[in-house]
Amino acid sequence: MIMLYIPCKNNAEANKIAKHLLRKRLIACANIFPIKSIYRWKKKIVNDKEIVVIAKTLKGKFNTVKKEVKKIHSYETPCIAMIDSRANRDFEKWVKGEIK
């Protein structure tokens, strides 16, 4: 199992991405959180509010998820980070059952 970390510009975009991936059965579930981000972009330091999607999926789906997110994400260079993870056996079994 892996978790995906995907910052978004707002709640609407985060929900759109999560629902898109769920409808395509590429993720089992997603958590959506408000975050504060500080980063350098186009030679400036930016302080920004973002919404992050943390989605649970299988490692073999990472490339497909990246392509799908890039198609609908508003950022020029979206972060779609993979985090290897382990969960309790029942949860991992549920994740595998939700993904096609």
PDB file of N, CA and C in Angstrom:
ATOM      1  N   MET A   1       0.847  -1.175   0.000  1.00  0.00           N
ATOM      2  CA  MET A   1       0.000   0.000   0.000  1.00  0.00           C
ATOM      3  C   MET A   1       0.891   1.236   0.000  1.00  0.00           C
ATOM      4  N   ILE A   2       0.421   2.281  -0.666  1.00  0.00           N
ATOM      5  CA  ILE A   2       1.101   3.568  -0.630  1.00  0.00           C
ATOM      6  C   ILE A   2       0.090   4.656  -0.296  1.00  0.00           C
ATOM      7  N   MET A   3       0.614   5.784   0.165  1.00  0.00           N
ATOM      8  CA  MET A   3      -0.210   6.971   0.339  1.00  0.00           C
ATOM      9  C   MET A   3       0.324   8.022  -0.621  1.00  0.00           C
ATOM     10  N   LEU A   4      -0.579   8.785  -1.186  1.00  0.00           N
ATOM     11  CA  LEU A   4      -0.219   9.860  -2.097  1.00  0.00           C
ATOM     12  C   LEU A   4      -0.456  11.187  -1.403  1.00  0.00           C
ATOM     13  N   TYR A   5       0.477  12.095  -1.569  1.00  0.00           N
ATOM     14  CA  TYR A   5       0.403  13.438  -0.993  1.00  0.00           C
ATOM     15  C   TYR A   5       0.250  14.405  -2.154  1.00  0.00           C
ATOM     16  N   ILE A   6      -0.923  15.088  -2.228  1.00  0.00           N
ATOM     17  CA  ILE A   6      -1.234  15.947  -3.365  1.00  0.00           C
ATOM     18  C   ILE A   6      -1.772  17.291  -2.866  1.00  0.00           C
ATOM     19  N   PRO A   7      -0.935  18.325  -2.778  1.00  0.00           N
ATOM     20  CA  PRO A   7      -1.431  19.650  -2.399  1.00  0.00           C
ATOM     21  C   PRO A   7      -2.264  20.268  -3.535  1.00  0.00           C
ATOM     22  N   CYS A   8      -3.311  21.004  -3.157  1.00  0.00           N
ATOM     23  CA  CYS A   8      -4.229  21.620  -4.118  1.00  0.00           C
ATOM     24  C   CYS A   8      -4.476  23.070  -3.742  1.00  0.00           C
ATOM     25  N   LYS A   9      -4.971  23.852  -4.706  1.00  0.00           N
ATOM     26  CA  LYS A   9      -5.169  25.285  -4.459  1.00  0.00           C
ATOM     27  C   LYS A   9      -6.332  25.578  -3.524  1.00  0.00           C
ATOM     28  N   ASN A  10      -7.343  24.685  -3.502  1.00  0.00           N
ATOM     29  CA  ASN A  10      -8.498  24.933  -2.641  1.00  0.00           C
ATOM     30  C   ASN A  10      -9.272  23.635  -2.411  1.00  0.00           C
ATOM     31  N   ASN A  11     -10.288  23.732  -1.578  1.00  0.00           N
ATOM     32  CA  ASN A  11     -11.084  22.561  -1.218  1.00  0.00           C
ATOM     33  C   ASN A  11     -11.819  21.978  -2.431  1.00  0.00           C
ATOM     34  N   ALA A  12     -12.312  22.833  -3.300  1.00  0.00           N
ATOM     35  CA  ALA A  12     -13.043  22.350  -4.480  1.00  0.00           C
ATOM     36  C   ALA A  12     -12.132  21.492  -5.362  1.00  0.00           C
ATOM     37  N   GLU A  13     -10.913  21.946  -5.571  1.00  0.00           N
ATOM     38  CA  GLU A  13      -9.988  21.173  -6.396  1.00  0.00           C
ATOM     39  C   GLU A  13      -9.614  19.854  -5.725  1.00  0.00           C
ATOM     40  N   ALA A  14      -9.363  19.891  -4.420  1.00  0.00           N
ATOM     41  CA  ALA A  14      -9.019  18.668  -3.691  1.00  0.00           C
ATOM     42  C   ALA A  14     -10.152  17.648  -3.783  1.00  0.00           C
ATOM     43  N   ASN A  15     -11.378  18.096  -3.602  1.00  0.00           N
ATOM     44  CA  ASN A  15     -12.530  17.197  -3.708  1.00  0.00           C
ATOM     45  C   ASN A  15     -12.691  16.660  -5.122  1.00  0.00           C
ATOM     46  N   LYS A  16     -12.479  17.514  -6.111  1.00  0.00           N
ATOM     47  CA  LYS A  16     -12.587  17.100  -7.513  1.00  0.00           C
ATOM     48  C   LYS A  16     -11.584  15.987  -7.820  1.00  0.00           C
ATOM     49  N   ILE A  17     -10.342  16.171  -7.385  1.00  0.00           N
ATOM     50  CA  ILE A  17      -9.301  15.174  -7.635  1.00  0.00           C
ATOM     51  C   ILE A  17      -9.615  13.874  -6.902  1.00  0.00           C
ATOM     52  N   ALA A  18      -9.968  13.966  -5.627  1.00  0.00           N
ATOM     53  CA  ALA A  18     -10.274  12.761  -4.847  1.00  0.00           C
ATOM     54  C   ALA A  18     -11.445  11.994  -5.463  1.00  0.00           C
ATOM     55  N   LYS A  19     -12.513  12.684  -5.806  1.00  0.00           N
ATOM     56  CA  LYS A  19     -13.675  12.010  -6.390  1.00  0.00           C
ATOM     57  C   LYS A  19     -13.367  11.411  -7.752  1.00  0.00           C
ATOM     58  N   HIS A  20     -12.572  12.104  -8.552  1.00  0.00           N
ATOM     59  CA  HIS A  20     -12.172  11.588  -9.869  1.00  0.00           C
ATOM     60  C   HIS A  20     -11.417  10.262  -9.714  1.00  0.00           C
ATOM     61  N   LEU A  21     -10.462  10.236  -8.776  1.00  0.00           N
ATOM     62  CA  LEU A  21      -9.675   9.021  -8.560  1.00  0.00           C
ATOM     63  C   LEU A  21     -10.522   7.906  -7.968  1.00  0.00           C
ATOM     64  N   LEU A  22     -11.469   8.257  -7.102  1.00  0.00           N
ATOM     65  CA  LEU A  22     -12.373   7.244  -6.537  1.00  0.00           C
ATOM     66  C   LEU A  22     -13.287   6.649  -7.611  1.00  0.00           C
ATOM     67  N   ARG A  23     -13.848   7.508  -8.463  1.00  0.00           N
ATOM     68  CA  ARG A  23     -14.733   7.012  -9.533  1.00  0.00           C
ATOM     69  C   ARG A  23     -14.000   6.055 -10.473  1.00  0.00           C
ATOM     70  N   LYS A  24     -12.723   6.331 -10.719  1.00  0.00           N
ATOM     71  CA  LYS A  24     -11.921   5.483 -11.598  1.00  0.00           C
ATOM     72  C   LYS A  24     -11.364   4.263 -10.861  1.00  0.00           C
ATOM     73  N   ARG A  25     -11.662   4.157  -9.568  1.00  0.00           N
ATOM     74  CA  ARG A  25     -11.207   3.053  -8.717  1.00  0.00           C
ATOM     75  C   ARG A  25      -9.686   2.950  -8.671  1.00  0.00           C
ATOM     76  N   LEU A  26      -9.033   4.122  -8.685  1.00  0.00           N
ATOM     77  CA  LEU A  26      -7.582   4.187  -8.585  1.00  0.00           C
ATOM     78  C   LEU A  26      -7.109   4.377  -7.153  1.00  0.00           C
ATOM     79  N   ILE A  27      -8.001   4.837  -6.284  1.00  0.00           N
ATOM     80  CA  ILE A  27      -7.697   4.966  -4.857  1.00  0.00           C
ATOM     81  C   ILE A  27      -8.849   4.345  -4.070  1.00  0.00           C
ATOM     82  N   ALA A  28      -8.549   3.957  -2.843  1.00  0.00           N
ATOM     83  CA  ALA A  28      -9.585   3.388  -1.979  1.00  0.00           C
ATOM     84  C   ALA A  28     -10.273   4.471  -1.164  1.00  0.00           C
ATOM     85  N   CYS A  29      -9.521   5.494  -0.760  1.00  0.00           N
ATOM     86  CA  CYS A  29     -10.081   6.583   0.022  1.00  0.00           C
ATOM     87  C   CYS A  29      -9.114   7.757   0.028  1.00  0.00           C
ATOM     88  N   ALA A  30      -9.625   8.898   0.479  1.00  0.00           N
ATOM     89  CA  ALA A  30      -8.791  10.094   0.560  1.00  0.00           C
ATOM     90  C   ALA A  30      -9.146  10.884   1.806  1.00  0.00           C
ATOM     91  N   ASN A  31      -8.146  11.509   2.388  1.00  0.00           N
ATOM     92  CA  ASN A  31      -8.332  12.461   3.483  1.00  0.00           C
ATOM     93  C   ASN A  31      -7.938  13.828   2.943  1.00  0.00           C
ATOM     94  N   ILE A  32      -8.672  14.849   3.359  1.00  0.00           N
ATOM     95  CA  ILE A  32      -8.427  16.196   2.856  1.00  0.00           C
ATOM     96  C   ILE A  32      -8.218  17.125   4.051  1.00  0.00           C
ATOM     97  N   PHE A  33      -7.072  17.837   4.038  1.00  0.00           N
ATOM     98  CA  PHE A  33      -6.683  18.694   5.155  1.00  0.00           C
ATOM     99  C   PHE A  33      -6.272  20.082   4.677  1.00  0.00           C
ATOM    100  N   PRO A  34      -6.586  21.134   5.435  1.00  0.00           N
ATOM    101  CA  PRO A  34      -6.013  22.450   5.147  1.00  0.00           C
ATOM    102  C   PRO A  34      -4.570  22.479   5.659  1.00  0.00           C
ATOM    103  N   ILE A  35      -3.685  23.108   4.890  1.00  0.00           N
ATOM    104  CA  ILE A  35      -2.283  23.227   5.295  1.00  0.00           C
ATOM    105  C   ILE A  35      -1.765  24.632   4.976  1.00  0.00           C
ATOM    106  N   LYS A  36      -0.662  24.986   5.585  1.00  0.00           N
ATOM    107  CA  LYS A  36       0.042  26.225   5.244  1.00  0.00           C
ATOM    108  C   LYS A  36       1.335  25.801   4.569  1.00  0.00           C
ATOM    109  N   SER A  37       1.600  26.368   3.409  1.00  0.00           N
ATOM    110  CA  SER A  37       2.790  25.997   2.640  1.00  0.00           C
ATOM    111  C   SER A  37       3.682  27.217   2.447  1.00  0.00           C
ATOM    112  N   ILE A  38       4.974  26.987   2.532  1.00  0.00           N
ATOM    113  CA  ILE A  38       5.970  28.013   2.251  1.00  0.00           C
ATOM    114  C   ILE A  38       6.932  27.400   1.238  1.00  0.00           C
ATOM    115  N   TYR A  39       7.094  28.068   0.104  1.00  0.00           N
ATOM    116  CA  TYR A  39       7.926  27.514  -0.956  1.00  0.00           C
ATOM    117  C   TYR A  39       8.456  28.626  -1.860  1.00  0.00           C
ATOM    118  N   ARG A  40       9.467  28.293  -2.634  1.00  0.00           N
ATOM    119  CA  ARG A  40      10.013  29.227  -3.611  1.00  0.00           C
ATOM    120  C   ARG A  40       9.372  28.903  -4.959  1.00  0.00           C
ATOM    121  N   TRP A  41       8.823  29.922  -5.603  1.00  0.00           N
ATOM    122  CA  TRP A  41       8.197  29.748  -6.913  1.00  0.00           C
ATOM    123  C   TRP A  41       8.502  30.971  -7.763  1.00  0.00           C
ATOM    124  N   LYS A  42       9.132  30.731  -8.891  1.00  0.00           N
ATOM    125  CA  LYS A  42       9.490  31.792  -9.834  1.00  0.00           C
ATOM    126  C   LYS A  42      10.246  32.924  -9.145  1.00  0.00           C
ATOM    127  N   LYS A  43      11.294  32.505  -8.400  1.00  0.00           N
ATOM    128  CA  LYS A  43      12.245  33.410  -7.736  1.00  0.00           C
ATOM    129  C   LYS A  43      11.664  34.178  -6.547  1.00  0.00           C
ATOM    130  N   LYS A  44      10.495  33.794  -6.072  1.00  0.00           N
ATOM    131  CA  LYS A  44       9.905  34.451  -4.907  1.00  0.00           C
ATOM    132  C   LYS A  44       9.559  33.400  -3.850  1.00  0.00           C
ATOM    133  N   ILE A  45       9.648  33.812  -2.579  1.00  0.00           N
ATOM    134  CA  ILE A  45       9.186  32.934  -1.505  1.00  0.00           C
ATOM    135  C   ILE A  45       7.706  33.217  -1.293  1.00  0.00           C
ATOM    136  N   VAL A  46       6.927  32.154  -1.311  1.00  0.00           N
ATOM    137  CA  VAL A  46       5.467  32.257  -1.236  1.00  0.00           C
ATOM    138  C   VAL A  46       4.978  31.630   0.066  1.00  0.00           C
ATOM    139  N   ASN A  47       4.118  32.325   0.789  1.00  0.00           N
ATOM    140  CA  ASN A  47       3.382  31.787   1.939  1.00  0.00           C
ATOM    141  C   ASN A  47       1.956  31.595   1.445  1.00  0.00           C
ATOM    142  N   ASP A  48       1.460  30.388   1.529  1.00  0.00           N
ATOM    143  CA  ASP A  48       0.172  30.115   0.911  1.00  0.00           C
ATOM    144  C   ASP A  48      -0.641  29.133   1.748  1.00  0.00           C
ATOM    145  N   LYS A  49      -1.935  29.230   1.619  1.00  0.00           N
ATOM    146  CA  LYS A  49      -2.834  28.216   2.181  1.00  0.00           C
ATOM    147  C   LYS A  49      -3.167  27.253   1.051  1.00  0.00           C
ATOM    148  N   GLU A  50      -3.099  25.975   1.363  1.00  0.00           N
ATOM    149  CA  GLU A  50      -3.449  24.951   0.392  1.00  0.00           C
ATOM    150  C   GLU A  50      -4.312  23.903   1.094  1.00  0.00           C
ATOM    151  N   ILE A  51      -4.823  23.010   0.296  1.00  0.00           N
ATOM    152  CA  ILE A  51      -5.558  21.853   0.804  1.00  0.00           C
ATOM    153  C   ILE A  51      -4.820  20.629   0.285  1.00  0.00           C
ATOM    154  N   VAL A  52      -4.493  19.696   1.172  1.00  0.00           N
ATOM    155  CA  VAL A  52      -3.763  18.506   0.748  1.00  0.00           C
ATOM    156  C   VAL A  52      -4.687  17.292   0.735  1.00  0.00           C
ATOM    157  N   VAL A  53      -4.526  16.495  -0.306  1.00  0.00           N
ATOM    158  CA  VAL A  53      -5.210  15.206  -0.416  1.00  0.00           C
ATOM    159  C   VAL A  53      -4.195  14.132  -0.050  1.00  0.00           C
ATOM    160  N   ILE A  54      -4.568  13.278   0.886  1.00  0.00           N
ATOM    161  CA  ILE A  54      -3.778  12.091   1.185  1.00  0.00           C
ATOM    162  C   ILE A  54      -4.653  10.904   0.783  1.00  0.00           C
ATOM    163  N   ALA A  55      -4.207  10.195  -0.248  1.00  0.00           N
ATOM    164  CA  ALA A  55      -5.004   9.102  -0.811  1.00  0.00           C
ATOM    165  C   ALA A  55      -4.288   7.773  -0.621  1.00  0.00           C
ATOM    166  N   LYS A  56      -5.071   6.732  -0.390  1.00  0.00           N
ATOM    167  CA  LYS A  56      -4.509   5.390  -0.214  1.00  0.00           C
ATOM    168  C   LYS A  56      -4.756   4.581  -1.483  1.00  0.00           C
ATOM    169  N   THR A  57      -3.673   3.939  -1.963  1.00  0.00           N
ATOM    170  CA  THR A  57      -3.769   3.137  -3.170  1.00  0.00           C
ATOM    171  C   THR A  57      -2.695   2.062  -3.152  1.00  0.00           C
ATOM    172  N   LEU A  58      -2.505   1.417  -4.273  1.00  0.00           N
ATOM    173  CA  LEU A  58      -1.492   0.382  -4.421  1.00  0.00           C
ATOM    174  C   LEU A  58      -0.334   0.919  -5.248  1.00  0.00           C
ATOM    175  N   LYS A  59       0.862   0.452  -4.963  1.00  0.00           N
ATOM    176  CA  LYS A  59       2.062   0.946  -5.636  1.00  0.00           C
ATOM    177  C   LYS A  59       1.954   0.841  -7.154  1.00  0.00           C
ATOM    178  N   GLY A  60       1.349  -0.227  -7.641  1.00  0.00           N
ATOM    179  CA  GLY A  60       1.213  -0.437  -9.076  1.00  0.00           C
ATOM    180  C   GLY A  60       0.314   0.581  -9.771  1.00  0.00           C
ATOM    181  N   LYS A  61      -0.437   1.363  -9.020  1.00  0.00           N
ATOM    182  CA  LYS A  61      -1.335   2.372  -9.597  1.00  0.00           C
ATOM    183  C   LYS A  61      -0.718   3.763  -9.650  1.00  0.00           C
ATOM    184  N   PHE A  62       0.497   3.921  -9.108  1.00  0.00           N
ATOM    185  CA  PHE A  62       1.086   5.251  -8.982  1.00  0.00           C
ATOM    186  C   PHE A  62       1.187   5.995 -10.319  1.00  0.00           C
ATOM    187  N   ASN A  63       1.716   5.366 -11.340  1.00  0.00           N
ATOM    188  CA  ASN A  63       1.878   6.058 -12.625  1.00  0.00           C
ATOM    189  C   ASN A  63       0.538   6.458 -13.234  1.00  0.00           C
ATOM    190  N   THR A  64      -0.452   5.604 -13.122  1.00  0.00           N
ATOM    191  CA  THR A  64      -1.781   5.935 -13.651  1.00  0.00           C
ATOM    192  C   THR A  64      -2.385   7.098 -12.868  1.00  0.00           C
ATOM    193  N   VAL A  65      -2.258   7.072 -11.554  1.00  0.00           N
ATOM    194  CA  VAL A  65      -2.777   8.170 -10.729  1.00  0.00           C
ATOM    195  C   VAL A  65      -2.088   9.476 -11.101  1.00  0.00           C
ATOM    196  N   LYS A  66      -0.769   9.459 -11.272  1.00  0.00           N
ATOM    197  CA  LYS A  66      -0.033  10.675 -11.655  1.00  0.00           C
ATOM    198  C   LYS A  66      -0.601  11.270 -12.937  1.00  0.00           C
ATOM    199  N   LYS A  67      -0.817  10.438 -13.933  1.00  0.00           N
ATOM    200  CA  LYS A  67      -1.354  10.915 -15.214  1.00  0.00           C
ATOM    201  C   LYS A  67      -2.735  11.531 -15.040  1.00  0.00           C
ATOM    202  N   GLU A  68      -3.590  10.864 -14.261  1.00  0.00           N
ATOM    203  CA  GLU A  68      -4.950  11.366 -14.047  1.00  0.00           C
ATOM    204  C   GLU A  68      -4.945  12.700 -13.290  1.00  0.00           C
ATOM    205  N   VAL A  69      -4.111  12.805 -12.265  1.00  0.00           N
ATOM    206  CA  VAL A  69      -4.049  14.047 -11.487  1.00  0.00           C
ATOM    207  C   VAL A  69      -3.525  15.182 -12.357  1.00  0.00           C
ATOM    208  N   LYS A  70      -2.474  14.937 -13.117  1.00  0.00           N
ATOM    209  CA  LYS A  70      -1.899  15.981 -13.973  1.00  0.00           C
ATOM    210  C   LYS A  70      -2.915  16.515 -14.982  1.00  0.00           C
ATOM    211  N   LYS A  71      -3.833  15.655 -15.436  1.00  0.00           N
ATOM    212  CA  LYS A  71      -4.850  16.080 -16.404  1.00  0.00           C
ATOM    213  C   LYS A  71      -5.804  17.118 -15.830  1.00  0.00           C
ATOM    214  N   ILE A  72      -6.081  17.049 -14.517  1.00  0.00           N
ATOM    215  CA  ILE A  72      -7.117  17.923 -13.949  1.00  0.00           C
ATOM    216  C   ILE A  72      -6.605  18.904 -12.889  1.00  0.00           C
ATOM    217  N   HIS A  73      -5.352  18.793 -12.493  1.00  0.00           N
ATOM    218  CA  HIS A  73      -4.801  19.684 -11.469  1.00  0.00           C
ATOM    219  C   HIS A  73      -4.524  21.060 -12.073  1.00  0.00           C
ATOM    220  N   SER A  74      -4.781  22.099 -11.311  1.00  0.00           N
ATOM    221  CA  SER A  74      -4.584  23.461 -11.824  1.00  0.00           C
ATOM    222  C   SER A  74      -3.132  23.939 -11.774  1.00  0.00           C
ATOM    223  N   TYR A  75      -2.291  23.297 -10.974  1.00  0.00           N
ATOM    224  CA  TYR A  75      -0.912  23.758 -10.831  1.00  0.00           C
ATOM    225  C   TYR A  75      -0.086  23.408 -12.071  1.00  0.00           C
ATOM    226  N   GLU A  76       0.811  24.300 -12.411  1.00  0.00           N
ATOM    227  CA  GLU A  76       1.748  24.071 -13.511  1.00  0.00           C
ATOM    228  C   GLU A  76       2.640  22.862 -13.207  1.00  0.00           C
ATOM    229  N   THR A  77       3.052  22.756 -11.947  1.00  0.00           N
ATOM    230  CA  THR A  77       3.909  21.656 -11.497  1.00  0.00           C
ATOM    231  C   THR A  77       3.333  21.068 -10.212  1.00  0.00           C
ATOM    232  N   PRO A  78       2.308  20.223 -10.318  1.00  0.00           N
ATOM    233  CA  PRO A  78       1.716  19.679  -9.093  1.00  0.00           C
ATOM    234  C   PRO A  78       2.642  18.679  -8.398  1.00  0.00           C
ATOM    235  N   CYS A  79       2.561  18.644  -7.086  1.00  0.00           N
ATOM    236  CA  CYS A  79       3.261  17.636  -6.292  1.00  0.00           C
ATOM    237  C   CYS A  79       2.349  16.416  -6.191  1.00  0.00           C
ATOM    238  N   ILE A  80       2.846  15.288  -6.647  1.00  0.00           N
ATOM    239  CA  ILE A  80       2.130  14.015  -6.510  1.00  0.00           C
ATOM    240  C   ILE A  80       3.158  13.050  -5.931  1.00  0.00           C
ATOM    241  N   ALA A  81       3.264  13.055  -4.618  1.00  0.00           N
ATOM    242  CA  ALA A  81       4.321  12.303  -3.943  1.00  0.00           C
ATOM    243  C   ALA A  81       3.805  10.969  -3.428  1.00  0.00           C
ATOM    244  N   MET A  82       4.623   9.935  -3.618  1.00  0.00           N
ATOM    245  CA  MET A  82       4.287   8.593  -3.139  1.00  0.00           C
ATOM    246  C   MET A  82       5.007   8.336  -1.827  1.00  0.00           C
ATOM    247  N   ILE A  83       4.262   7.855  -0.842  1.00  0.00           N
ATOM    248  CA  ILE A  83       4.826   7.504   0.458  1.00  0.00           C
ATOM    249  C   ILE A  83       4.524   6.026   0.707  1.00  0.00           C
ATOM    250  N   ASP A  84       5.571   5.198   0.766  1.00  0.00           N
ATOM    251  CA  ASP A  84       5.359   3.786   1.083  1.00  0.00           C
ATOM    252  C   ASP A  84       4.793   3.682   2.489  1.00  0.00           C
ATOM    253  N   SER A  85       3.818   2.811   2.667  1.00  0.00           N
ATOM    254  CA  SER A  85       3.214   2.670   3.995  1.00  0.00           C
ATOM    255  C   SER A  85       2.736   1.245   4.227  1.00  0.00           C
ATOM    256  N   ARG A  86       2.477   0.977   5.466  1.00  0.00           N
ATOM    257  CA  ARG A  86       1.879  -0.294   5.878  1.00  0.00           C
ATOM    258  C   ARG A  86       0.732   0.044   6.813  1.00  0.00           C
ATOM    259  N   ALA A  87      -0.295  -0.778   6.756  1.00  0.00           N
ATOM    260  CA  ALA A  87      -1.439  -0.603   7.653  1.00  0.00           C
ATOM    261  C   ALA A  87      -1.801  -1.974   8.210  1.00  0.00           C
ATOM    262  N   ASN A  88      -2.795  -1.973   9.085  1.00  0.00           N
ATOM    263  CA  ASN A  88      -3.264  -3.262   9.590  1.00  0.00           C
ATOM    264  C   ASN A  88      -3.801  -4.095   8.424  1.00  0.00           C
ATOM    265  N   ARG A  89      -3.714  -5.392   8.558  1.00  0.00           N
ATOM    266  CA  ARG A  89      -4.039  -6.338   7.493  1.00  0.00           C
ATOM    267  C   ARG A  89      -5.449  -6.137   6.945  1.00  0.00           C
ATOM    268  N   ASP A  90      -6.425  -5.942   7.820  1.00  0.00           N
ATOM    269  CA  ASP A  90      -7.804  -5.767   7.355  1.00  0.00           C
ATOM    270  C   ASP A  90      -7.962  -4.516   6.499  1.00  0.00           C
ATOM    271  N   PHE A  91      -7.290  -3.438   6.886  1.00  0.00           N
ATOM    272  CA  PHE A  91      -7.376  -2.212   6.106  1.00  0.00           C
ATOM    273  C   PHE A  91      -6.711  -2.396   4.745  1.00  0.00           C
ATOM    274  N   GLU A  92      -5.525  -2.998   4.704  1.00  0.00           N
ATOM    275  CA  GLU A  92      -4.854  -3.230   3.433  1.00  0.00           C
ATOM    276  C   GLU A  92      -5.680  -4.134   2.523  1.00  0.00           C
ATOM    277  N   LYS A  93      -6.340  -5.109   3.088  1.00  0.00           N
ATOM    278  CA  LYS A  93      -7.218  -5.978   2.304  1.00  0.00           C
ATOM    279  C   LYS A  93      -8.375  -5.168   1.717  1.00  0.00           C
ATOM    280  N   TRP A  94      -8.946  -4.278   2.511  1.00  0.00           N
ATOM    281  CA  TRP A  94     -10.027  -3.425   2.026  1.00  0.00           C
ATOM    282  C   TRP A  94      -9.541  -2.538   0.880  1.00  0.00           C
ATOM    283  N   VAL A  95      -8.345  -1.929   1.050  1.00  0.00           N
ATOM    284  CA  VAL A  95      -7.775  -1.078  -0.011  1.00  0.00           C
ATOM    285  C   VAL A  95      -7.650  -1.868  -1.305  1.00  0.00           C
ATOM    286  N   LYS A  96      -7.074  -3.054  -1.225  1.00  0.00           N
ATOM    287  CA  LYS A  96      -6.903  -3.891  -2.431  1.00  0.00           C
ATOM    288  C   LYS A  96      -8.237  -4.206  -3.085  1.00  0.00           C
ATOM    289  N   GLY A  97      -9.260  -4.423  -2.279  1.00  0.00           N
ATOM    290  CA  GLY A  97     -10.575  -4.737  -2.813  1.00  0.00           C
ATOM    291  C   GLY A  97     -11.275  -3.558  -3.495  1.00  0.00           C
ATOM    292  N   GLU A  98     -10.897  -2.335  -3.122  1.00  0.00           N
ATOM    293  CA  GLU A  98     -11.523  -1.142  -3.693  1.00  0.00           C
ATOM    294  C   GLU A  98     -10.900  -0.685  -4.999  1.00  0.00           C
ATOM    295  N   ILE A  99      -9.694  -1.154  -5.271  1.00  0.00           N
ATOM    296  CA  ILE A  99      -8.947  -0.672  -6.433  1.00  0.00           C
ATOM    297  C   ILE A  99      -9.036  -1.685  -7.574  1.00  0.00           C
ATOM    298  N   LYS A 100      -9.291  -1.144  -8.763  1.00  0.00           N
ATOM    299  CA  LYS A 100      -9.406  -2.009  -9.958  1.00  0.00           C
ATOM    300  C   LYS A 100      -8.177  -1.865 -10.826  1.00  0.00           C
TER     301      LYS A 100
END
